[in-house]
Amino acid sequence: MNQFIQRIANYIANEILIKGLAESRTFQRVALRTHNTIQDMKKGGIENINSKLDDVHKAASEAAYYSTSTKSKAATKGPPTPPQSGFAGFVSAFGKEIRKDLGIGGK
């Protein structure tokens, strides 16, 4: 008997909820905005990832070039410069550690 009452309550709640949401203009607007946002993310996702990878590669290349060409100058002038921040700094520091572990390059 308990399952029967539970099924009836579940059916009634689903009917009211589904019909109420289907007729709600606010819910329809939210659903449409969500759909459009997800579609835009899917379209721009690959382009966004490729542009970020290009930026990281450029920053890592610049960091590698500047770190090798300015080692002797940096050692003789003023206080040390702080490390880069953000993702580019992480990639640069990670690359330095890998080179150190493999015995490639200076330090």
PDB file of N, CA and C in Angstrom:
ATOM      1  N   MET A   1       0.823  -1.190   0.000  1.00  0.00           N
ATOM      2  CA  MET A   1       0.000   0.000   0.000  1.00  0.00           C
ATOM      3  C   MET A   1       0.868   1.255   0.000  1.00  0.00           C
ATOM      4  N   ASN A   2       1.996   1.188   0.732  1.00  0.00           N
ATOM      5  CA  ASN A   2       2.887   2.338   0.824  1.00  0.00           C
ATOM      6  C   ASN A   2       3.483   2.683  -0.545  1.00  0.00           C
ATOM      7  N   GLN A   3       3.872   1.663  -1.345  1.00  0.00           N
ATOM      8  CA  GLN A   3       4.429   1.916  -2.672  1.00  0.00           C
ATOM      9  C   GLN A   3       3.387   2.551  -3.589  1.00  0.00           C
ATOM     10  N   PHE A   4       2.161   2.117  -3.464  1.00  0.00           N
ATOM     11  CA  PHE A   4       1.090   2.654  -4.291  1.00  0.00           C
ATOM     12  C   PHE A   4       0.895   4.146  -4.039  1.00  0.00           C
ATOM     13  N   ILE A   5       0.834   4.529  -2.781  1.00  0.00           N
ATOM     14  CA  ILE A   5       0.664   5.942  -2.418  1.00  0.00           C
ATOM     15  C   ILE A   5       1.901   6.740  -2.865  1.00  0.00           C
ATOM     16  N   GLN A   6       3.071   6.169  -2.711  1.00  0.00           N
ATOM     17  CA  GLN A   6       4.298   6.844  -3.121  1.00  0.00           C
ATOM     18  C   GLN A   6       4.307   7.066  -4.637  1.00  0.00           C
ATOM     19  N   ARG A   7       3.859   6.080  -5.404  1.00  0.00           N
ATOM     20  CA  ARG A   7       3.800   6.233  -6.858  1.00  0.00           C
ATOM     21  C   ARG A   7       2.798   7.310  -7.262  1.00  0.00           C
ATOM     22  N   ILE A   8       1.663   7.344  -6.626  1.00  0.00           N
ATOM     23  CA  ILE A   8       0.656   8.367  -6.942  1.00  0.00           C
ATOM     24  C   ILE A   8       1.194   9.757  -6.616  1.00  0.00           C
ATOM     25  N   ALA A   9       1.812   9.912  -5.455  1.00  0.00           N
ATOM     26  CA  ALA A   9       2.375  11.210  -5.070  1.00  0.00           C
ATOM     27  C   ALA A   9       3.491  11.618  -6.034  1.00  0.00           C
ATOM     28  N   ASN A  10       4.321  10.667  -6.417  1.00  0.00           N
ATOM     29  CA  ASN A  10       5.397  10.949  -7.353  1.00  0.00           C
ATOM     30  C   ASN A  10       4.841  11.366  -8.713  1.00  0.00           C
ATOM     31  N   TYR A  11       3.812  10.692  -9.205  1.00  0.00           N
ATOM     32  CA  TYR A  11       3.203  11.026 -10.484  1.00  0.00           C
ATOM     33  C   TYR A  11       2.592  12.427 -10.458  1.00  0.00           C
ATOM     34  N   ILE A  12       1.852  12.714  -9.409  1.00  0.00           N
ATOM     35  CA  ILE A  12       1.208  14.025  -9.295  1.00  0.00           C
ATOM     36  C   ILE A  12       2.264  15.132  -9.201  1.00  0.00           C
ATOM     37  N   ALA A  13       3.297  14.922  -8.398  1.00  0.00           N
ATOM     38  CA  ALA A  13       4.349  15.933  -8.252  1.00  0.00           C
ATOM     39  C   ALA A  13       5.069  16.159  -9.581  1.00  0.00           C
ATOM     40  N   ASN A  14       5.353  15.068 -10.307  1.00  0.00           N
ATOM     41  CA  ASN A  14       6.019  15.214 -11.603  1.00  0.00           C
ATOM     42  C   ASN A  14       5.147  15.954 -12.606  1.00  0.00           C
ATOM     43  N   GLU A  15       3.873  15.635 -12.649  1.00  0.00           N
ATOM     44  CA  GLU A  15       2.970  16.310 -13.585  1.00  0.00           C
ATOM     45  C   GLU A  15       2.885  17.803 -13.278  1.00  0.00           C
ATOM     46  N   ILE A  16       2.738  18.142 -12.023  1.00  0.00           N
ATOM     47  CA  ILE A  16       2.633  19.554 -11.648  1.00  0.00           C
ATOM     48  C   ILE A  16       3.950  20.273 -11.929  1.00  0.00           C
ATOM     49  N   LEU A  17       5.048  19.653 -11.572  1.00  0.00           N
ATOM     50  CA  LEU A  17       6.355  20.271 -11.763  1.00  0.00           C
ATOM     51  C   LEU A  17       6.677  20.451 -13.241  1.00  0.00           C
ATOM     52  N   ILE A  18       6.467  19.414 -14.041  1.00  0.00           N
ATOM     53  CA  ILE A  18       6.800  19.491 -15.461  1.00  0.00           C
ATOM     54  C   ILE A  18       5.904  20.497 -16.177  1.00  0.00           C
ATOM     55  N   LYS A  19       4.609  20.442 -15.920  1.00  0.00           N
ATOM     56  CA  LYS A  19       3.706  21.398 -16.567  1.00  0.00           C
ATOM     57  C   LYS A  19       3.990  22.820 -16.109  1.00  0.00           C
ATOM     58  N   GLY A  20       4.297  22.969 -14.828  1.00  0.00           N
ATOM     59  CA  GLY A  20       4.595  24.308 -14.310  1.00  0.00           C
ATOM     60  C   GLY A  20       5.858  24.882 -14.928  1.00  0.00           C
ATOM     61  N   LEU A  21       6.900  24.073 -15.048  1.00  0.00           N
ATOM     62  CA  LEU A  21       8.131  24.559 -15.655  1.00  0.00           C
ATOM     63  C   LEU A  21       7.964  24.788 -17.150  1.00  0.00           C
ATOM     64  N   ALA A  22       7.214  23.935 -17.823  1.00  0.00           N
ATOM     65  CA  ALA A  22       7.023  24.093 -19.262  1.00  0.00           C
ATOM     66  C   ALA A  22       6.285  25.386 -19.582  1.00  0.00           C
ATOM     67  N   GLU A  23       5.409  25.817 -18.720  1.00  0.00           N
ATOM     68  CA  GLU A  23       4.641  27.037 -18.955  1.00  0.00           C
ATOM     69  C   GLU A  23       5.323  28.282 -18.392  1.00  0.00           C
ATOM     70  N   SER A  24       6.390  28.118 -17.649  1.00  0.00           N
ATOM     71  CA  SER A  24       7.067  29.250 -17.014  1.00  0.00           C
ATOM     72  C   SER A  24       7.998  29.952 -18.005  1.00  0.00           C
ATOM     73  N   ARG A  25       7.748  31.240 -18.266  1.00  0.00           N
ATOM     74  CA  ARG A  25       8.603  32.011 -19.169  1.00  0.00           C
ATOM     75  C   ARG A  25      10.001  32.191 -18.568  1.00  0.00           C
ATOM     76  N   THR A  26      10.075  32.350 -17.265  1.00  0.00           N
ATOM     77  CA  THR A  26      11.367  32.524 -16.606  1.00  0.00           C
ATOM     78  C   THR A  26      12.227  31.281 -16.783  1.00  0.00           C
ATOM     79  N   PHE A  27      11.638  30.118 -16.566  1.00  0.00           N
ATOM     80  CA  PHE A  27      12.388  28.870 -16.730  1.00  0.00           C
ATOM     81  C   PHE A  27      12.835  28.702 -18.177  1.00  0.00           C
ATOM     82  N   GLN A  28      11.981  29.048 -19.124  1.00  0.00           N
ATOM     83  CA  GLN A  28      12.337  28.937 -20.529  1.00  0.00           C
ATOM     84  C   GLN A  28      13.506  29.851 -20.881  1.00  0.00           C
ATOM     85  N   ARG A  29      13.515  31.073 -20.331  1.00  0.00           N
ATOM     86  CA  ARG A  29      14.622  31.997 -20.580  1.00  0.00           C
ATOM     87  C   ARG A  29      15.923  31.458 -19.988  1.00  0.00           C
ATOM     88  N   VAL A  30      15.848  30.931 -18.759  1.00  0.00           N
ATOM     89  CA  VAL A  30      17.046  30.379 -18.120  1.00  0.00           C
ATOM     90  C   VAL A  30      17.570  29.188 -18.915  1.00  0.00           C
ATOM     91  N   ALA A  31      16.672  28.324 -19.362  1.00  0.00           N
ATOM     92  CA  ALA A  31      17.083  27.155 -20.139  1.00  0.00           C
ATOM     93  C   ALA A  31      17.722  27.578 -21.459  1.00  0.00           C
ATOM     94  N   LEU A  32      17.155  28.581 -22.122  1.00  0.00           N
ATOM     95  CA  LEU A  32      17.703  29.050 -23.389  1.00  0.00           C
ATOM     96  C   LEU A  32      19.068  29.700 -23.196  1.00  0.00           C
ATOM     97  N   ARG A  33      19.223  30.512 -22.159  1.00  0.00           N
ATOM     98  CA  ARG A  33      20.514  31.135 -21.875  1.00  0.00           C
ATOM     99  C   ARG A  33      21.571  30.074 -21.557  1.00  0.00           C
ATOM    100  N   THR A  34      21.189  29.088 -20.775  1.00  0.00           N
ATOM    101  CA  THR A  34      22.119  28.009 -20.432  1.00  0.00           C
ATOM    102  C   THR A  34      22.543  27.257 -21.683  1.00  0.00           C
ATOM    103  N   HIS A  35      21.595  26.954 -22.541  1.00  0.00           N
ATOM    104  CA  HIS A  35      21.896  26.245 -23.786  1.00  0.00           C
ATOM    105  C   HIS A  35      22.850  27.069 -24.654  1.00  0.00           C
ATOM    106  N   ASN A  36      22.557  28.355 -24.822  1.00  0.00           N
ATOM    107  CA  ASN A  36      23.417  29.213 -25.644  1.00  0.00           C
ATOM    108  C   ASN A  36      24.819  29.339 -25.053  1.00  0.00           C
ATOM    109  N   THR A  37      24.913  29.457 -23.738  1.00  0.00           N
ATOM    110  CA  THR A  37      26.212  29.567 -23.085  1.00  0.00           C
ATOM    111  C   THR A  37      27.036  28.303 -23.301  1.00  0.00           C
ATOM    112  N   ILE A  38      26.430  27.164 -23.159  1.00  0.00           N
ATOM    113  CA  ILE A  38      27.137  25.896 -23.355  1.00  0.00           C
ATOM    114  C   ILE A  38      27.571  25.741 -24.807  1.00  0.00           C
ATOM    115  N   GLN A  39      26.722  26.128 -25.752  1.00  0.00           N
ATOM    116  CA  GLN A  39      27.090  26.042 -27.161  1.00  0.00           C
ATOM    117  C   GLN A  39      28.260  26.972 -27.474  1.00  0.00           C
ATOM    118  N   ASP A  40      28.259  28.183 -26.916  1.00  0.00           N
ATOM    119  CA  ASP A  40      29.369  29.110 -27.115  1.00  0.00           C
ATOM    120  C   ASP A  40      30.655  28.560 -26.524  1.00  0.00           C
ATOM    121  N   MET A  41      30.562  27.935 -25.356  1.00  0.00           N
ATOM    122  CA  MET A  41      31.749  27.350 -24.733  1.00  0.00           C
ATOM    123  C   MET A  41      32.297  26.215 -25.586  1.00  0.00           C
ATOM    124  N   LYS A  42      31.423  25.414 -26.152  1.00  0.00           N
ATOM    125  CA  LYS A  42      31.869  24.315 -27.005  1.00  0.00           C
ATOM    126  C   LYS A  42      32.564  24.854 -28.244  1.00  0.00           C
ATOM    127  N   LYS A  43      32.005  25.908 -28.854  1.00  0.00           N
ATOM    128  CA  LYS A  43      32.605  26.490 -30.053  1.00  0.00           C
ATOM    129  C   LYS A  43      33.944  27.139 -29.747  1.00  0.00           C
ATOM    130  N   GLY A  44      33.971  27.970 -28.725  1.00  0.00           N
ATOM    131  CA  GLY A  44      35.175  28.727 -28.405  1.00  0.00           C
ATOM    132  C   GLY A  44      36.184  27.958 -27.596  1.00  0.00           C
ATOM    133  N   GLY A  45      35.836  26.789 -27.120  1.00  0.00           N
ATOM    134  CA  GLY A  45      36.731  26.033 -26.258  1.00  0.00           C
ATOM    135  C   GLY A  45      38.035  25.667 -26.921  1.00  0.00           C
ATOM    136  N   ILE A  46      37.973  25.130 -28.124  1.00  0.00           N
ATOM    137  CA  ILE A  46      39.187  24.704 -28.816  1.00  0.00           C
ATOM    138  C   ILE A  46      40.035  25.913 -29.177  1.00  0.00           C
ATOM    139  N   GLU A  47      39.377  26.969 -29.672  1.00  0.00           N
ATOM    140  CA  GLU A  47      40.120  28.186 -30.026  1.00  0.00           C
ATOM    141  C   GLU A  47      40.776  28.792 -28.785  1.00  0.00           C
ATOM    142  N   ASN A  48      40.043  28.793 -27.685  1.00  0.00           N
ATOM    143  CA  ASN A  48      40.557  29.360 -26.439  1.00  0.00           C
ATOM    144  C   ASN A  48      41.756  28.556 -25.937  1.00  0.00           C
ATOM    145  N   ILE A  49      41.665  27.251 -25.999  1.00  0.00           N
ATOM    146  CA  ILE A  49      42.766  26.398 -25.542  1.00  0.00           C
ATOM    147  C   ILE A  49      44.000  26.620 -26.415  1.00  0.00           C
ATOM    148  N   ASN A  50      43.789  26.688 -27.740  1.00  0.00           N
ATOM    149  CA  ASN A  50      44.929  26.899 -28.640  1.00  0.00           C
ATOM    150  C   ASN A  50      45.586  28.247 -28.401  1.00  0.00           C
ATOM    151  N   SER A  51      44.787  29.290 -28.175  1.00  0.00           N
ATOM    152  CA  SER A  51      45.388  30.606 -27.926  1.00  0.00           C
ATOM    153  C   SER A  51      46.137  30.610 -26.597  1.00  0.00           C
ATOM    154  N   LYS A  52      45.613  29.940 -25.586  1.00  0.00           N
ATOM    155  CA  LYS A  52      46.315  29.869 -24.293  1.00  0.00           C
ATOM    156  C   LYS A  52      47.627  29.104 -24.438  1.00  0.00           C
ATOM    157  N   LEU A  53      47.619  28.010 -25.199  1.00  0.00           N
ATOM    158  CA  LEU A  53      48.852  27.253 -25.416  1.00  0.00           C
ATOM    159  C   LEU A  53      49.879  28.089 -26.161  1.00  0.00           C
ATOM    160  N   ASP A  54      49.426  28.869 -27.148  1.00  0.00           N
ATOM    161  CA  ASP A  54      50.353  29.752 -27.857  1.00  0.00           C
ATOM    162  C   ASP A  54      50.949  30.791 -26.916  1.00  0.00           C
ATOM    163  N   ASP A  55      50.116  31.356 -26.034  1.00  0.00           N
ATOM    164  CA  ASP A  55      50.612  32.337 -25.065  1.00  0.00           C
ATOM    165  C   ASP A  55      51.641  31.713 -24.120  1.00  0.00           C
ATOM    166  N   VAL A  56      51.353  30.504 -23.657  1.00  0.00           N
ATOM    167  CA  VAL A  56      52.267  29.828 -22.740  1.00  0.00           C
ATOM    168  C   VAL A  56      53.588  29.531 -23.446  1.00  0.00           C
ATOM    169  N   HIS A  57      53.511  29.058 -24.692  1.00  0.00           N
ATOM    170  CA  HIS A  57      54.723  28.761 -25.441  1.00  0.00           C
ATOM    171  C   HIS A  57      55.544  30.023 -25.658  1.00  0.00           C
ATOM    172  N   LYS A  58      54.878  31.111 -25.995  1.00  0.00           N
ATOM    173  CA  LYS A  58      55.579  32.378 -26.204  1.00  0.00           C
ATOM    174  C   LYS A  58      56.247  32.845 -24.911  1.00  0.00           C
ATOM    175  N   ALA A  59      55.510  32.775 -23.804  1.00  0.00           N
ATOM    176  CA  ALA A  59      56.068  33.205 -22.519  1.00  0.00           C
ATOM    177  C   ALA A  59      57.243  32.320 -22.101  1.00  0.00           C
ATOM    178  N   ALA A  60      57.113  31.005 -22.327  1.00  0.00           N
ATOM    179  CA  ALA A  60      58.200  30.096 -21.957  1.00  0.00           C
ATOM    180  C   ALA A  60      59.426  30.339 -22.836  1.00  0.00           C
ATOM    181  N   SER A  61      59.211  30.603 -24.117  1.00  0.00           N
ATOM    182  CA  SER A  61      60.331  30.883 -25.014  1.00  0.00           C
ATOM    183  C   SER A  61      61.034  32.172 -24.612  1.00  0.00           C
ATOM    184  N   GLU A  62      60.242  33.197 -24.307  1.00  0.00           N
ATOM    185  CA  GLU A  62      60.831  34.468 -23.881  1.00  0.00           C
ATOM    186  C   GLU A  62      61.594  34.299 -22.574  1.00  0.00           C
ATOM    187  N   ALA A  63      61.019  33.555 -21.653  1.00  0.00           N
ATOM    188  CA  ALA A  63      61.680  33.343 -20.364  1.00  0.00           C
ATOM    189  C   ALA A  63      62.988  32.579 -20.554  1.00  0.00           C
ATOM    190  N   ALA A  64      62.990  31.591 -21.423  1.00  0.00           N
ATOM    191  CA  ALA A  64      64.209  30.826 -21.676  1.00  0.00           C
ATOM    192  C   ALA A  64      65.255  31.700 -22.352  1.00  0.00           C
ATOM    193  N   TYR A  65      64.830  32.541 -23.294  1.00  0.00           N
ATOM    194  CA  TYR A  65      65.773  33.417 -23.992  1.00  0.00           C
ATOM    195  C   TYR A  65      66.364  34.443 -23.037  1.00  0.00           C
ATOM    196  N   TYR A  66      65.507  35.090 -22.253  1.00  0.00           N
ATOM    197  CA  TYR A  66      65.988  36.127 -21.350  1.00  0.00           C
ATOM    198  C   TYR A  66      66.831  35.550 -20.210  1.00  0.00           C
ATOM    199  N   SER A  67      66.490  34.361 -19.754  1.00  0.00           N
ATOM    200  CA  SER A  67      67.256  33.796 -18.648  1.00  0.00           C
ATOM    201  C   SER A  67      68.662  33.395 -19.095  1.00  0.00           C
ATOM    202  N   THR A  68      68.832  32.994 -20.346  1.00  0.00           N
ATOM    203  CA  THR A  68      70.166  32.619 -20.817  1.00  0.00           C
ATOM    204  C   THR A  68      70.974  33.826 -21.254  1.00  0.00           C
ATOM    205  N   SER A  69      70.306  34.848 -21.784  1.00  0.00           N
ATOM    206  CA  SER A  69      71.060  35.987 -22.302  1.00  0.00           C
ATOM    207  C   SER A  69      71.385  37.014 -21.231  1.00  0.00           C
ATOM    208  N   THR A  70      70.720  36.989 -20.091  1.00  0.00           N
ATOM    209  CA  THR A  70      70.941  38.015 -19.068  1.00  0.00           C
ATOM    210  C   THR A  70      71.525  37.459 -17.780  1.00  0.00           C
ATOM    211  N   LYS A  71      72.068  36.246 -17.797  1.00  0.00           N
ATOM    212  CA  LYS A  71      72.593  35.671 -16.556  1.00  0.00           C
ATOM    213  C   LYS A  71      73.762  36.467 -16.007  1.00  0.00           C
ATOM    214  N   SER A  72      74.697  36.813 -16.847  1.00  0.00           N
ATOM    215  CA  SER A  72      75.875  37.524 -16.345  1.00  0.00           C
ATOM    216  C   SER A  72      75.522  38.939 -15.931  1.00  0.00           C
ATOM    217  N   LYS A  73      74.579  39.600 -16.631  1.00  0.00           N
ATOM    218  CA  LYS A  73      74.178  40.958 -16.272  1.00  0.00           C
ATOM    219  C   LYS A  73      73.408  40.979 -14.958  1.00  0.00           C
ATOM    220  N   ALA A  74      72.530  39.998 -14.763  1.00  0.00           N
ATOM    221  CA  ALA A  74      71.701  39.974 -13.566  1.00  0.00           C
ATOM    222  C   ALA A  74      72.538  39.717 -12.319  1.00  0.00           C
ATOM    223  N   ALA A  75      73.627  39.000 -12.458  1.00  0.00           N
ATOM    224  CA  ALA A  75      74.452  38.674 -11.301  1.00  0.00           C
ATOM    225  C   ALA A  75      75.213  39.891 -10.792  1.00  0.00           C
ATOM    226  N   THR A  76      75.468  40.880 -11.640  1.00  0.00           N
ATOM    227  CA  THR A  76      76.276  42.024 -11.236  1.00  0.00           C
ATOM    228  C   THR A  76      75.456  43.255 -10.880  1.00  0.00           C
ATOM    229  N   LYS A  77      74.189  43.329 -11.277  1.00  0.00           N
ATOM    230  CA  LYS A  77      73.388  44.540 -11.057  1.00  0.00           C
ATOM    231  C   LYS A  77      72.323  44.328  -9.992  1.00  0.00           C
ATOM    232  N   GLY A  78      72.268  45.182  -9.000  1.00  0.00           N
ATOM    233  CA  GLY A  78      71.196  45.328  -8.032  1.00  0.00           C
ATOM    234  C   GLY A  78      70.633  44.062  -7.419  1.00  0.00           C
ATOM    235  N   PRO A  79      69.485  44.220  -6.768  1.00  0.00           N
ATOM    236  CA  PRO A  79      68.850  43.075  -6.096  1.00  0.00           C
ATOM    237  C   PRO A  79      68.249  42.115  -7.112  1.00  0.00           C
ATOM    238  N   PRO A  80      68.032  40.882  -6.713  1.00  0.00           N
ATOM    239  CA  PRO A  80      67.460  39.906  -7.639  1.00  0.00           C
ATOM    240  C   PRO A  80      66.012  40.260  -7.971  1.00  0.00           C
ATOM    241  N   THR A  81      65.596  39.866  -9.148  1.00  0.00           N
ATOM    242  CA  THR A  81      64.214  40.124  -9.555  1.00  0.00           C
ATOM    243  C   THR A  81      63.333  38.983  -9.057  1.00  0.00           C
ATOM    244  N   PRO A  82      62.103  39.300  -8.659  1.00  0.00           N
ATOM    245  CA  PRO A  82      61.209  38.237  -8.192  1.00  0.00           C
ATOM    246  C   PRO A  82      60.795  37.344  -9.359  1.00  0.00           C
ATOM    247  N   PRO A  83      60.439  36.100  -9.075  1.00  0.00           N
ATOM    248  CA  PRO A  83      60.034  35.195 -10.150  1.00  0.00           C
ATOM    249  C   PRO A  83      58.719  35.645 -10.776  1.00  0.00           C
ATOM    250  N   GLN A  84      58.484  35.180 -11.995  1.00  0.00           N
ATOM    251  CA  GLN A  84      57.230  35.489 -12.671  1.00  0.00           C
ATOM    252  C   GLN A  84      56.075  34.898 -11.887  1.00  0.00           C
ATOM    253  N   SER A  85      54.931  35.552 -11.993  1.00  0.00           N
ATOM    254  CA  SER A  85      53.748  35.009 -11.331  1.00  0.00           C
ATOM    255  C   SER A  85      52.809  34.452 -12.385  1.00  0.00           C
ATOM    256  N   GLY A  86      51.822  33.744 -11.949  1.00  0.00           N
ATOM    257  CA  GLY A  86      50.828  33.186 -12.855  1.00  0.00           C
ATOM    258  C   GLY A  86      51.299  31.896 -13.494  1.00  0.00           C
ATOM    259  N   PHE A  87      50.576  31.509 -14.542  1.00  0.00           N
ATOM    260  CA  PHE A  87      50.843  30.248 -15.201  1.00  0.00           C
ATOM    261  C   PHE A  87      52.186  30.269 -15.932  1.00  0.00           C
ATOM    262  N   ALA A  88      52.537  31.429 -16.526  1.00  0.00           N
ATOM    263  CA  ALA A  88      53.819  31.533 -17.225  1.00  0.00           C
ATOM    264  C   ALA A  88      54.974  31.330 -16.250  1.00  0.00           C
ATOM    265  N   GLY A  89      54.848  31.869 -15.034  1.00  0.00           N
ATOM    266  CA  GLY A  89      55.878  31.665 -14.025  1.00  0.00           C
ATOM    267  C   GLY A  89      55.996  30.214 -13.614  1.00  0.00           C
ATOM    268  N   PHE A  90      54.843  29.555 -13.515  1.00  0.00           N
ATOM    269  CA  PHE A  90      54.848  28.134 -13.172  1.00  0.00           C
ATOM    270  C   PHE A  90      55.564  27.324 -14.243  1.00  0.00           C
ATOM    271  N   VAL A  91      55.232  27.597 -15.516  1.00  0.00           N
ATOM    272  CA  VAL A  91      55.849  26.849 -16.610  1.00  0.00           C
ATOM    273  C   VAL A  91      57.356  27.098 -16.626  1.00  0.00           C
ATOM    274  N   SER A  92      57.750  28.346 -16.413  1.00  0.00           N
ATOM    275  CA  SER A  92      59.173  28.677 -16.406  1.00  0.00           C
ATOM    276  C   SER A  92      59.904  27.950 -15.269  1.00  0.00           C
ATOM    277  N   ALA A  93      59.350  28.002 -14.070  1.00  0.00           N
ATOM    278  CA  ALA A  93      59.975  27.345 -12.920  1.00  0.00           C
ATOM    279  C   ALA A  93      60.000  25.832 -13.090  1.00  0.00           C
ATOM    280  N   PHE A  94      58.913  25.283 -13.635  1.00  0.00           N
ATOM    281  CA  PHE A  94      58.846  23.846 -13.867  1.00  0.00           C
ATOM    282  C   PHE A  94      59.913  23.424 -14.873  1.00  0.00           C
ATOM    283  N   GLY A  95      60.072  24.219 -15.940  1.00  0.00           N
ATOM    284  CA  GLY A  95      61.095  23.923 -16.941  1.00  0.00           C
ATOM    285  C   GLY A  95      62.491  23.970 -16.349  1.00  0.00           C
ATOM    286  N   LYS A  96      62.742  24.952 -15.472  1.00  0.00           N
ATOM    287  CA  LYS A  96      64.055  25.062 -14.832  1.00  0.00           C
ATOM    288  C   LYS A  96      64.337  23.849 -13.960  1.00  0.00           C
ATOM    289  N   GLU A  97      63.337  23.398 -13.227  1.00  0.00           N
ATOM    290  CA  GLU A  97      63.515  22.223 -12.367  1.00  0.00           C
ATOM    291  C   GLU A  97      63.780  20.970 -13.192  1.00  0.00           C
ATOM    292  N   ILE A  98      63.067  20.821 -14.277  1.00  0.00           N
ATOM    293  CA  ILE A  98      63.276  19.653 -15.141  1.00  0.00           C
ATOM    294  C   ILE A  98      64.692  19.681 -15.722  1.00  0.00           C
ATOM    295  N   ARG A  99      65.118  20.868 -16.198  1.00  0.00           N
ATOM    296  CA  ARG A  99      66.476  20.976 -16.742  1.00  0.00           C
ATOM    297  C   ARG A  99      67.519  20.667 -15.669  1.00  0.00           C
ATOM    298  N   LYS A 100      67.255  21.128 -14.431  1.00  0.00           N
ATOM    299  CA  LYS A 100      68.184  20.845 -13.334  1.00  0.00           C
ATOM    300  C   LYS A 100      68.245  19.346 -13.050  1.00  0.00           C
ATOM    301  N   ASP A 101      67.079  18.696 -13.021  1.00  0.00           N
ATOM    302  CA  ASP A 101      67.034  17.269 -12.744  1.00  0.00           C
ATOM    303  C   ASP A 101      67.731  16.447 -13.831  1.00  0.00           C
ATOM    304  N   LEU A 102      67.590  16.902 -15.076  1.00  0.00           N
ATOM    305  CA  LEU A 102      68.192  16.157 -16.184  1.00  0.00           C
ATOM    306  C   LEU A 102      69.646  16.553 -16.434  1.00  0.00           C
ATOM    307  N   GLY A 103      70.098  17.581 -15.755  1.00  0.00           N
ATOM    308  CA  GLY A 103      71.477  18.016 -15.921  1.00  0.00           C
ATOM    309  C   GLY A 103      71.700  18.834 -17.172  1.00  0.00           C
ATOM    310  N   ILE A 104      70.628  19.421 -17.685  1.00  0.00           N
ATOM    311  CA  ILE A 104      70.724  20.252 -18.880  1.00  0.00           C
ATOM    312  C   ILE A 104      70.837  21.699 -18.443  1.00  0.00           C
ATOM    313  N   GLY A 105      71.741  22.452 -18.995  1.00  0.00           N
ATOM    314  CA  GLY A 105      71.852  23.871 -18.688  1.00  0.00           C
ATOM    315  C   GLY A 105      72.631  24.119 -17.411  1.00  0.00           C
ATOM    316  N   GLY A 106      72.572  25.361 -16.963  1.00  0.00           N
ATOM    317  CA  GLY A 106      73.371  25.843 -15.823  1.00  0.00           C
ATOM    318  C   GLY A 106      73.120  25.118 -14.529  1.00  0.00           C
ATOM    319  N   LYS A 107      72.729  25.832 -13.525  1.00  0.00           N
ATOM    320  CA  LYS A 107      72.534  25.394 -12.137  1.00  0.00           C
ATOM    321  C   LYS A 107      72.205  23.941 -12.069  1.00  0.00           C
TER     322      LYS A 107
END
